[in-house]
Amino acid sequence: MTMNWKQIIVYGLLGLISLIFVVAGGLKTFSAKEMVDNMSAIGYGSNWQRFIGITELIGVIGLWIPRFRALALVLLWPYAVGGLAVHISHGHSFWERSSLAALVSLLIPLALWVGGYFDRFGQKPVV
């Protein structure tokens, strides 16, 4: 099976989005010291931190199941935008903490668009 350029772009975007969320979700789920300190500083307790991490990891699994891909992208997007908003509102350095959230906040809609998930006429998505 040959892949067209849209499929290659979508899979590349999904890979990058997955990598970022696996790292962030894993650090939250397994309570890495730096993540615990960061989450505590913005007012999130350990239970909330673990919940966010687990749901991010579940979202990554959904990205790789074609039937749930669009839903997973739509549900992960608020995590990225929310993370970006929290970091900005707490005055954190953009390059230290907010840049990946900003990147993912842009990559998710791009993956939805290139993948054809916004199509209203019932055509199948690209991937």
C-alpha atoms as a PDB file:
ATOM      1  CA  MET A   1       0.000   0.000   0.000  1.00  0.00           C
ATOM      2  CA  THR A   2       1.445   3.301  -1.010  1.00  0.00           C
ATOM      3  CA  MET A   3       0.823   6.383   1.050  1.00  0.00           C
ATOM      4  CA  ASN A   4       0.052   9.759  -0.438  1.00  0.00           C
ATOM      5  CA  TRP A   5       1.547  12.988   0.856  1.00  0.00           C
ATOM      6  CA  LYS A   6      -1.460  13.772   3.083  1.00  0.00           C
ATOM      7  CA  GLN A   7      -1.179  10.429   4.840  1.00  0.00           C
ATOM      8  CA  ILE A   8       2.535  10.958   5.419  1.00  0.00           C
ATOM      9  CA  ILE A   9       1.887  14.414   6.880  1.00  0.00           C
ATOM     10  CA  VAL A  10      -0.944  13.166   9.115  1.00  0.00           C
ATOM     11  CA  TYR A  11       1.108  10.245  10.442  1.00  0.00           C
ATOM     12  CA  GLY A  12       4.044  12.574  11.055  1.00  0.00           C
ATOM     13  CA  LEU A  13       1.777  14.979  12.963  1.00  0.00           C
ATOM     14  CA  LEU A  14       0.248  12.109  14.934  1.00  0.00           C
ATOM     15  CA  GLY A  15       3.723  10.859  15.815  1.00  0.00           C
ATOM     16  CA  LEU A  16       4.854  14.263  17.061  1.00  0.00           C
ATOM     17  CA  ILE A  17       1.625  14.870  18.996  1.00  0.00           C
ATOM     18  CA  SER A  18       1.885  11.382  20.510  1.00  0.00           C
ATOM     19  CA  LEU A  19       5.491  11.875  21.541  1.00  0.00           C
ATOM     20  CA  ILE A  20       4.739  15.150  23.314  1.00  0.00           C
ATOM     21  CA  PHE A  21       1.678  13.775  25.110  1.00  0.00           C
ATOM     22  CA  VAL A  22       3.378  10.493  26.076  1.00  0.00           C
ATOM     23  CA  VAL A  23       6.249  12.381  27.687  1.00  0.00           C
ATOM     24  CA  ALA A  24       3.994  14.922  29.424  1.00  0.00           C
ATOM     25  CA  GLY A  25       1.376  12.342  30.424  1.00  0.00           C
ATOM     26  CA  GLY A  26       4.001   9.871  31.596  1.00  0.00           C
ATOM     27  CA  LEU A  27       5.736  12.466  33.757  1.00  0.00           C
ATOM     28  CA  LYS A  28       2.390  13.404  35.319  1.00  0.00           C
ATOM     29  CA  THR A  29       1.184   9.827  35.773  1.00  0.00           C
ATOM     30  CA  PHE A  30       4.384   8.546  37.339  1.00  0.00           C
ATOM     31  CA  SER A  31       4.900  11.688  39.438  1.00  0.00           C
ATOM     32  CA  ALA A  32       8.314  12.806  38.218  1.00  0.00           C
ATOM     33  CA  LYS A  33       9.746  15.228  40.788  1.00  0.00           C
ATOM     34  CA  GLU A  34       9.940  18.197  38.418  1.00  0.00           C
ATOM     35  CA  MET A  35       6.364  17.632  37.238  1.00  0.00           C
ATOM     36  CA  VAL A  36       5.104  17.331  40.825  1.00  0.00           C
ATOM     37  CA  ASP A  37       6.852  20.609  41.697  1.00  0.00           C
ATOM     38  CA  ASN A  38       5.437  22.347  38.610  1.00  0.00           C
ATOM     39  CA  MET A  39       1.889  21.090  39.168  1.00  0.00           C
ATOM     40  CA  SER A  40       2.010  21.977  42.877  1.00  0.00           C
ATOM     41  CA  ALA A  41       3.221  25.484  42.046  1.00  0.00           C
ATOM     42  CA  ILE A  42       0.147  26.113  39.911  1.00  0.00           C
ATOM     43  CA  GLY A  43      -2.226  24.627  42.474  1.00  0.00           C
ATOM     44  CA  TYR A  44      -2.870  21.077  41.272  1.00  0.00           C
ATOM     45  CA  GLY A  45      -2.673  18.237  43.772  1.00  0.00           C
ATOM     46  CA  SER A  46      -1.237  14.808  43.086  1.00  0.00           C
ATOM     47  CA  ASN A  47      -4.611  13.180  42.354  1.00  0.00           C
ATOM     48  CA  TRP A  48      -5.524  15.827  39.767  1.00  0.00           C
ATOM     49  CA  GLN A  49      -2.038  15.586  38.259  1.00  0.00           C
ATOM     50  CA  ARG A  50      -2.291  11.804  37.933  1.00  0.00           C
ATOM     51  CA  PHE A  51      -5.791  12.087  36.407  1.00  0.00           C
ATOM     52  CA  ILE A  52      -4.550  14.547  33.785  1.00  0.00           C
ATOM     53  CA  GLY A  53      -1.578  12.297  32.972  1.00  0.00           C
ATOM     54  CA  ILE A  54      -3.691   9.148  32.613  1.00  0.00           C
ATOM     55  CA  THR A  55      -6.242  10.866  30.382  1.00  0.00           C
ATOM     56  CA  GLU A  56      -3.449  12.237  28.191  1.00  0.00           C
ATOM     57  CA  LEU A  57      -2.047   8.714  27.787  1.00  0.00           C
ATOM     58  CA  ILE A  58      -5.495   7.323  26.975  1.00  0.00           C
ATOM     59  CA  GLY A  59      -5.845  10.071  24.367  1.00  0.00           C
ATOM     60  CA  VAL A  60      -2.573   8.989  22.759  1.00  0.00           C
ATOM     61  CA  ILE A  61      -3.877   5.433  22.482  1.00  0.00           C
ATOM     62  CA  GLY A  62      -6.989   6.822  20.791  1.00  0.00           C
ATOM     63  CA  LEU A  63      -4.835   8.620  18.229  1.00  0.00           C
ATOM     64  CA  TRP A  64      -3.662   5.309  16.826  1.00  0.00           C
ATOM     65  CA  ILE A  65      -7.084   3.671  16.608  1.00  0.00           C
ATOM     66  CA  PRO A  66      -8.530   4.985  13.330  1.00  0.00           C
ATOM     67  CA  ARG A  67     -12.113   4.857  14.555  1.00  0.00           C
ATOM     68  CA  PHE A  68     -11.305   7.110  17.539  1.00  0.00           C
ATOM     69  CA  ARG A  69      -8.618   9.315  15.970  1.00  0.00           C
ATOM     70  CA  ALA A  70     -10.720  12.433  15.358  1.00  0.00           C
ATOM     71  CA  LEU A  71     -12.345  12.184  18.789  1.00  0.00           C
ATOM     72  CA  ALA A  72      -8.962  11.762  20.470  1.00  0.00           C
ATOM     73  CA  LEU A  73      -7.586  14.800  18.650  1.00  0.00           C
ATOM     74  CA  VAL A  74     -10.598  16.902  19.595  1.00  0.00           C
ATOM     75  CA  LEU A  75     -10.400  15.778  23.246  1.00  0.00           C
ATOM     76  CA  LEU A  76      -6.629  16.284  23.533  1.00  0.00           C
ATOM     77  CA  TRP A  77      -6.737  19.798  22.099  1.00  0.00           C
ATOM     78  CA  PRO A  78      -8.205  21.405  25.274  1.00  0.00           C
ATOM     79  CA  TYR A  79      -5.375  19.847  27.287  1.00  0.00           C
ATOM     80  CA  ALA A  80      -2.829  21.588  25.083  1.00  0.00           C
ATOM     81  CA  VAL A  81      -4.652  24.915  25.034  1.00  0.00           C
ATOM     82  CA  GLY A  82      -5.382  24.690  28.754  1.00  0.00           C
ATOM     83  CA  GLY A  83      -1.754  23.922  29.531  1.00  0.00           C
ATOM     84  CA  LEU A  84      -0.675  26.878  27.445  1.00  0.00           C
ATOM     85  CA  ALA A  85      -3.195  29.161  29.189  1.00  0.00           C
ATOM     86  CA  VAL A  86      -2.115  28.011  32.656  1.00  0.00           C
ATOM     87  CA  HIS A  87       1.568  28.570  31.900  1.00  0.00           C
ATOM     88  CA  ILE A  88       0.916  32.007  30.425  1.00  0.00           C
ATOM     89  CA  SER A  89      -1.341  33.024  33.318  1.00  0.00           C
ATOM     90  CA  HIS A  90       1.336  32.044  35.834  1.00  0.00           C
ATOM     91  CA  GLY A  91       4.012  34.022  34.003  1.00  0.00           C
ATOM     92  CA  HIS A  92       6.164  31.033  33.099  1.00  0.00           C
ATOM     93  CA  SER A  93       8.881  31.396  30.506  1.00  0.00           C
ATOM     94  CA  PHE A  94       7.523  30.611  27.045  1.00  0.00           C
ATOM     95  CA  TRP A  95      10.573  28.634  25.944  1.00  0.00           C
ATOM     96  CA  GLU A  96      10.846  26.644  29.161  1.00  0.00           C
ATOM     97  CA  ARG A  97       7.282  25.495  29.670  1.00  0.00           C
ATOM     98  CA  SER A  98       4.830  26.864  27.128  1.00  0.00           C
ATOM     99  CA  SER A  99       6.448  26.199  23.770  1.00  0.00           C
ATOM    100  CA  LEU A 100       5.416  22.525  23.495  1.00  0.00           C
ATOM    101  CA  ALA A 101       1.850  23.333  24.548  1.00  0.00           C
ATOM    102  CA  ALA A 102       1.750  26.078  21.910  1.00  0.00           C
ATOM    103  CA  LEU A 103       3.158  23.702  19.292  1.00  0.00           C
ATOM    104  CA  VAL A 104       0.620  20.976  20.064  1.00  0.00           C
ATOM    105  CA  SER A 105      -2.181  23.557  20.146  1.00  0.00           C
ATOM    106  CA  LEU A 106      -1.345  24.267  16.504  1.00  0.00           C
ATOM    107  CA  LEU A 107      -0.529  20.702  15.405  1.00  0.00           C
ATOM    108  CA  ILE A 108      -3.839  19.182  16.495  1.00  0.00           C
ATOM    109  CA  PRO A 109      -6.075  21.395  14.305  1.00  0.00           C
ATOM    110  CA  LEU A 110      -3.568  20.945  11.481  1.00  0.00           C
ATOM    111  CA  ALA A 111      -3.838  17.145  11.794  1.00  0.00           C
ATOM    112  CA  LEU A 112      -7.629  17.402  11.809  1.00  0.00           C
ATOM    113  CA  TRP A 113      -7.593  19.607   8.710  1.00  0.00           C
ATOM    114  CA  VAL A 114      -5.006  17.697   6.653  1.00  0.00           C
ATOM    115  CA  GLY A 115      -6.563  14.388   7.680  1.00  0.00           C
ATOM    116  CA  GLY A 116      -9.899  15.472   6.269  1.00  0.00           C
ATOM    117  CA  TYR A 117     -11.771  15.201   9.552  1.00  0.00           C
ATOM    118  CA  PHE A 118     -13.577  18.505   8.923  1.00  0.00           C
ATOM    119  CA  ASP A 119     -15.226  17.183   5.765  1.00  0.00           C
ATOM    120  CA  ARG A 120     -19.000  17.667   5.944  1.00  0.00           C
ATOM    121  CA  PHE A 121     -19.958  15.575   2.949  1.00  0.00           C
ATOM    122  CA  GLY A 122     -19.340  12.127   4.362  1.00  0.00           C
ATOM    123  CA  GLN A 123     -16.117  11.353   2.548  1.00  0.00           C
ATOM    124  CA  LYS A 124     -13.683   9.126   4.349  1.00  0.00           C
ATOM    125  CA  PRO A 125     -10.773  10.781   6.157  1.00  0.00           C
ATOM    126  CA  VAL A 126      -7.307  10.517   4.629  1.00  0.00           C
ATOM    127  CA  VAL A 127      -6.062   8.056   7.255  1.00  0.00           C
END
